[in-house]
């Protein structure tokens, strides 16, 4: 699964939600193929928890869009970014086994852990949201503005009120609002942008999860395949 794979084709809201659902199936199938039969350790459990969270949030997002609840759907977009940030953060830990064990035992929260000196640019850095976002954005720059935009929906702001506006009149500077738990009736195209963003973030979250599993369980095989490709390219 790459950022080029499974790109949703332009179409209806149904097509976009279907593409997100397909990502869920792909994540389960590919993770199952990577995981070894038998015992797994604490880091695998943490990654599996991220997999469960990714799938649950994806299904929840689809339901919220179908029931026209834009503000709540956008919160799940933001927390989907959070999953990708933390799984990406595993490779920045100096001792991933020991650090994840500390999270499991309740001795530390993720943001109280520190990176390896190399990951922190020469010195250990706390694995705060700001640091994790910066590191993920180094490889995926589009994350930075999307993170900022969606944070307005996680915290109470005027963005919640704006979604209730049904009509504006520039001449009188008046706005009509419908305050309820359901979005005002509007064309389905208003949901296209958030669905496309959620698809992109879910794909990134899935890629990050699968890469973490592959590094843990297929590392030798991946290195051998890369060496073979390099050798073939040199022939």
Protein backbone atom coordinates (compact mmCIF):
# COMPACT_ATOMS: atom_id res chain seq x y z
CA UNK A 1 0.00 0.00 0.00
CA UNK A 2 1.57 3.30 -1.09
CA UNK A 3 0.30 6.86 -1.26
CA UNK A 4 -0.37 6.23 -4.94
CA UNK A 5 -2.34 3.02 -4.40
CA UNK A 6 -6.11 2.91 -4.07
CA UNK A 7 -6.60 6.60 -4.82
CA UNK A 8 -10.35 7.31 -4.86
CA UNK A 9 -11.70 8.23 -8.27
CA UNK A 10 -13.76 11.41 -8.65
CA UNK A 11 -17.36 10.52 -8.08
CA UNK A 12 -20.22 10.66 -5.67
CA UNK A 13 -20.16 10.67 -1.89
CA UNK A 14 -21.01 6.97 -2.02
CA UNK A 15 -17.91 6.30 -4.12
CA UNK A 16 -15.71 8.20 -1.69
CA UNK A 17 -17.05 6.39 1.37
CA UNK A 18 -16.66 3.11 -0.47
CA UNK A 19 -13.00 3.88 -1.12
CA UNK A 20 -12.49 4.50 2.60
CA UNK A 21 -14.20 1.20 3.41
CA UNK A 22 -11.91 -0.58 0.95
CA UNK A 23 -8.88 0.80 2.80
CA UNK A 24 -10.18 -0.81 5.99
CA UNK A 25 -10.34 -4.22 4.31
CA UNK A 26 -6.87 -3.81 2.81
CA UNK A 27 -5.36 -2.93 6.19
CA UNK A 28 -6.80 -6.01 7.87
CA UNK A 29 -5.73 -8.35 5.06
CA UNK A 30 -2.18 -7.00 4.80
CA UNK A 31 -1.59 -6.83 8.56
CA UNK A 32 -2.81 -10.42 8.92
CA UNK A 33 -0.39 -11.54 6.21
CA UNK A 34 2.57 -9.90 7.98
CA UNK A 35 1.93 -10.97 11.57
CA UNK A 36 3.55 -14.27 12.54
CA UNK A 37 1.49 -17.17 13.81
CA UNK A 38 1.94 -17.60 17.52
CA UNK A 39 3.26 -15.24 20.16
CA UNK A 40 3.57 -11.50 19.66
CA UNK A 41 5.09 -9.03 22.10
CA UNK A 42 4.06 -5.76 23.72
CA UNK A 43 5.09 -3.60 20.75
CA UNK A 44 2.96 -5.72 18.43
CA UNK A 45 0.02 -5.25 20.79
CA UNK A 46 0.52 -1.47 20.66
CA UNK A 47 0.54 -1.55 16.86
CA UNK A 48 -2.54 -3.77 16.84
CA UNK A 49 -4.24 -1.23 19.11
CA UNK A 50 -3.43 1.44 16.52
CA UNK A 51 -4.89 -0.82 13.84
CA UNK A 52 -8.11 -1.22 15.83
CA UNK A 53 -8.28 2.53 16.39
CA UNK A 54 -7.73 3.24 12.69
CA UNK A 55 -10.50 0.85 11.67
CA UNK A 56 -12.94 2.07 14.35
CA UNK A 57 -12.39 5.71 13.48
CA UNK A 58 -12.77 4.95 9.79
CA UNK A 59 -16.09 3.21 10.29
CA UNK A 60 -17.21 5.98 12.64
CA UNK A 61 -16.26 8.65 10.11
CA UNK A 62 -18.31 6.96 7.39
CA UNK A 63 -21.31 6.75 9.69
CA UNK A 64 -21.04 10.41 10.71
CA UNK A 65 -20.83 11.56 7.09
CA UNK A 66 -23.80 9.37 6.13
CA UNK A 67 -25.82 10.91 8.98
CA UNK A 68 -24.61 14.43 8.12
CA UNK A 69 -22.56 15.25 11.21
CA UNK A 70 -19.63 17.22 9.80
CA UNK A 71 -18.15 18.60 13.06
CA UNK A 72 -17.87 15.16 14.67
CA UNK A 73 -16.55 13.57 11.48
CA UNK A 74 -13.79 16.17 11.36
CA UNK A 75 -12.70 15.28 14.90
CA UNK A 76 -12.11 11.71 13.72
CA UNK A 77 -10.03 13.05 10.86
CA UNK A 78 -7.84 14.78 13.43
CA UNK A 79 -7.51 11.70 15.65
CA UNK A 80 -6.66 9.59 12.59
CA UNK A 81 -3.66 11.90 12.09
CA UNK A 82 -2.79 11.31 15.75
CA UNK A 83 -2.58 7.55 15.15
CA UNK A 84 -0.16 7.97 12.26
CA UNK A 85 1.97 10.38 14.33
CA UNK A 86 2.36 7.95 17.23
CA UNK A 87 3.09 4.84 15.20
CA UNK A 88 5.63 6.85 13.22
CA UNK A 89 7.05 7.89 16.59
CA UNK A 90 7.91 4.29 17.50
CA UNK A 91 10.95 4.38 15.24
CA UNK A 92 12.24 7.47 17.06
CA UNK A 93 12.44 5.75 20.46
CA UNK A 94 15.86 4.79 21.78
CA UNK A 95 14.47 1.51 23.13
CA UNK A 96 11.04 0.81 21.70
CA UNK A 97 10.44 -2.38 23.71
CA UNK A 98 11.22 -0.72 27.05
CA UNK A 99 9.35 2.50 26.24
CA UNK A 100 6.17 0.77 25.09
CA UNK A 101 6.33 -1.39 28.21
CA UNK A 102 6.37 1.79 30.30
CA UNK A 103 3.25 3.03 28.49
CA UNK A 104 1.55 -0.32 29.10
CA UNK A 105 2.37 -0.23 32.82
CA UNK A 106 1.11 3.34 33.13
CA UNK A 107 4.55 4.65 34.13
CA UNK A 108 4.64 7.13 31.23
CA UNK A 109 2.28 8.60 28.66
CA UNK A 110 3.53 8.81 25.09
CA UNK A 111 4.30 12.52 25.37
CA UNK A 112 6.51 11.95 28.43
CA UNK A 113 8.85 9.64 26.55
CA UNK A 114 11.94 10.95 24.75
CA UNK A 115 13.41 10.21 21.35
CA UNK A 116 16.82 8.82 20.59
CA UNK A 117 19.46 11.54 20.14
CA UNK A 118 19.64 10.80 16.40
CA UNK A 119 15.88 11.24 15.91
CA UNK A 120 15.96 14.47 17.90
CA UNK A 121 18.65 16.04 15.73
CA UNK A 122 21.54 15.30 18.07
CA UNK A 123 19.76 15.43 21.41
CA UNK A 124 16.78 13.60 22.93
CA UNK A 125 13.42 15.30 22.38
CA UNK A 126 10.16 14.67 24.18
CA UNK A 127 7.67 12.85 21.98
CA UNK A 128 5.09 15.62 22.18
CA UNK A 129 2.37 16.16 19.60
CA UNK A 130 4.34 19.09 18.19
CA UNK A 131 7.49 17.00 17.75
CA UNK A 132 5.62 14.00 16.30
CA UNK A 133 3.72 16.24 13.89
CA UNK A 134 6.95 17.89 12.74
CA UNK A 135 8.64 14.53 12.11
CA UNK A 136 5.66 13.15 10.17
CA UNK A 137 5.41 16.37 8.15
CA UNK A 138 9.06 16.04 7.11
CA UNK A 139 8.00 13.18 4.84
CA UNK A 140 4.38 14.26 4.32
CA UNK A 141 4.25 18.10 4.31
CA UNK A 142 0.48 18.21 3.71
CA UNK A 143 -0.06 16.94 7.28
CA UNK A 144 0.94 20.28 8.85
CA UNK A 145 -1.89 22.49 7.50
CA UNK A 146 -4.48 19.71 7.80
CA UNK A 147 -3.54 19.16 11.44
CA UNK A 148 -4.00 22.87 12.18
CA UNK A 149 -7.35 23.06 10.39
CA UNK A 150 -8.83 20.03 12.12
CA UNK A 151 -7.61 21.12 15.57
CA UNK A 152 -10.25 23.85 15.45
CA UNK A 153 -12.90 21.12 15.64
CA UNK A 154 -11.20 19.20 18.47
CA UNK A 155 -11.24 22.33 20.65
CA UNK A 156 -14.31 24.53 20.95
CA UNK A 157 -14.10 27.32 18.38
CA UNK A 158 -16.26 29.35 16.03
CA UNK A 159 -15.77 26.66 13.37
CA UNK A 160 -18.58 24.72 15.06
CA UNK A 161 -20.96 27.63 14.65
CA UNK A 162 -20.00 28.20 11.01
CA UNK A 163 -21.22 24.71 10.07
CA UNK A 164 -24.72 25.66 11.24
CA UNK A 165 -25.07 28.57 8.81
CA UNK A 166 -27.68 27.83 6.16
CA UNK A 167 -27.88 31.16 4.36
CA UNK A 168 -26.14 34.52 4.24
CA UNK A 169 -27.19 37.88 2.84
CA UNK A 170 -24.28 40.16 1.94
CA UNK A 171 -26.54 43.19 1.49
CA UNK A 172 -28.04 43.04 4.99
CA UNK A 173 -25.04 41.25 6.56
CA UNK A 174 -27.46 38.75 8.04
CA UNK A 175 -26.98 35.01 8.47
CA UNK A 176 -29.56 32.29 9.01
CA UNK A 177 -28.56 29.34 11.18
CA UNK A 178 -30.05 25.95 12.02
CA UNK A 179 -28.82 24.77 15.43
CA UNK A 180 -29.22 21.00 15.72
CA UNK A 181 -27.22 17.79 15.86
CA UNK A 182 -27.53 17.35 12.11
CA UNK A 183 -25.93 19.48 9.41
CA UNK A 184 -28.21 21.84 7.50
CA UNK A 185 -29.50 20.32 4.27
CA UNK A 186 -26.96 20.95 1.54
CA UNK A 187 -25.48 19.39 -1.56
CA UNK A 188 -23.40 16.27 -0.91
CA UNK A 189 -20.43 17.91 -2.65
CA UNK A 190 -19.70 19.90 0.53
CA UNK A 191 -18.48 16.61 2.06
CA UNK A 192 -16.10 15.72 -0.78
CA UNK A 193 -13.09 17.59 0.57
CA UNK A 194 -13.27 16.14 4.09
CA UNK A 195 -13.81 12.62 2.69
CA UNK A 196 -10.81 12.94 0.38
CA UNK A 197 -8.70 14.22 3.28
CA UNK A 198 -9.84 11.34 5.50
CA UNK A 199 -9.00 8.85 2.76
CA UNK A 200 -5.51 10.31 2.47
CA UNK A 201 -4.91 10.29 6.23
CA UNK A 202 -6.30 6.75 6.63
CA UNK A 203 -4.02 5.56 3.85
CA UNK A 204 -1.06 7.17 5.62
CA UNK A 205 -2.07 5.66 8.96
CA UNK A 206 -2.37 2.23 7.32
CA UNK A 207 0.99 2.61 5.57
CA UNK A 208 2.65 3.57 8.85
CA UNK A 209 1.13 0.60 10.68
CA UNK A 210 2.11 -1.87 7.96
CA UNK A 211 5.63 -0.44 7.74
CA UNK A 212 6.05 -0.89 11.50
CA UNK A 213 4.89 -4.50 11.29
CA UNK A 214 7.10 -5.21 8.30
CA UNK A 215 10.15 -3.73 10.02
CA UNK A 216 9.53 -5.97 13.01
CA UNK A 217 8.66 -9.23 11.28
CA UNK A 218 9.86 -9.04 7.69
CA UNK A 219 12.96 -6.91 8.11
CA UNK A 220 15.42 -9.49 6.76
CA UNK A 221 13.16 -10.29 3.84
CA UNK A 222 12.68 -6.63 2.95
CA UNK A 223 16.43 -5.98 3.08
CA UNK A 224 17.12 -9.03 0.93
CA UNK A 225 14.54 -7.91 -1.65
CA UNK A 226 16.04 -4.41 -1.72
CA UNK A 227 19.53 -5.84 -2.20
CA UNK A 228 18.25 -8.05 -5.03
CA UNK A 229 16.62 -5.08 -6.77
CA UNK A 230 19.83 -3.10 -6.45
CA UNK A 231 21.87 -5.99 -7.84
CA UNK A 232 19.51 -6.40 -10.77
CA UNK A 233 19.68 -2.71 -11.48
CA UNK A 234 23.44 -2.82 -11.60
CA UNK A 235 23.53 -5.72 -14.02
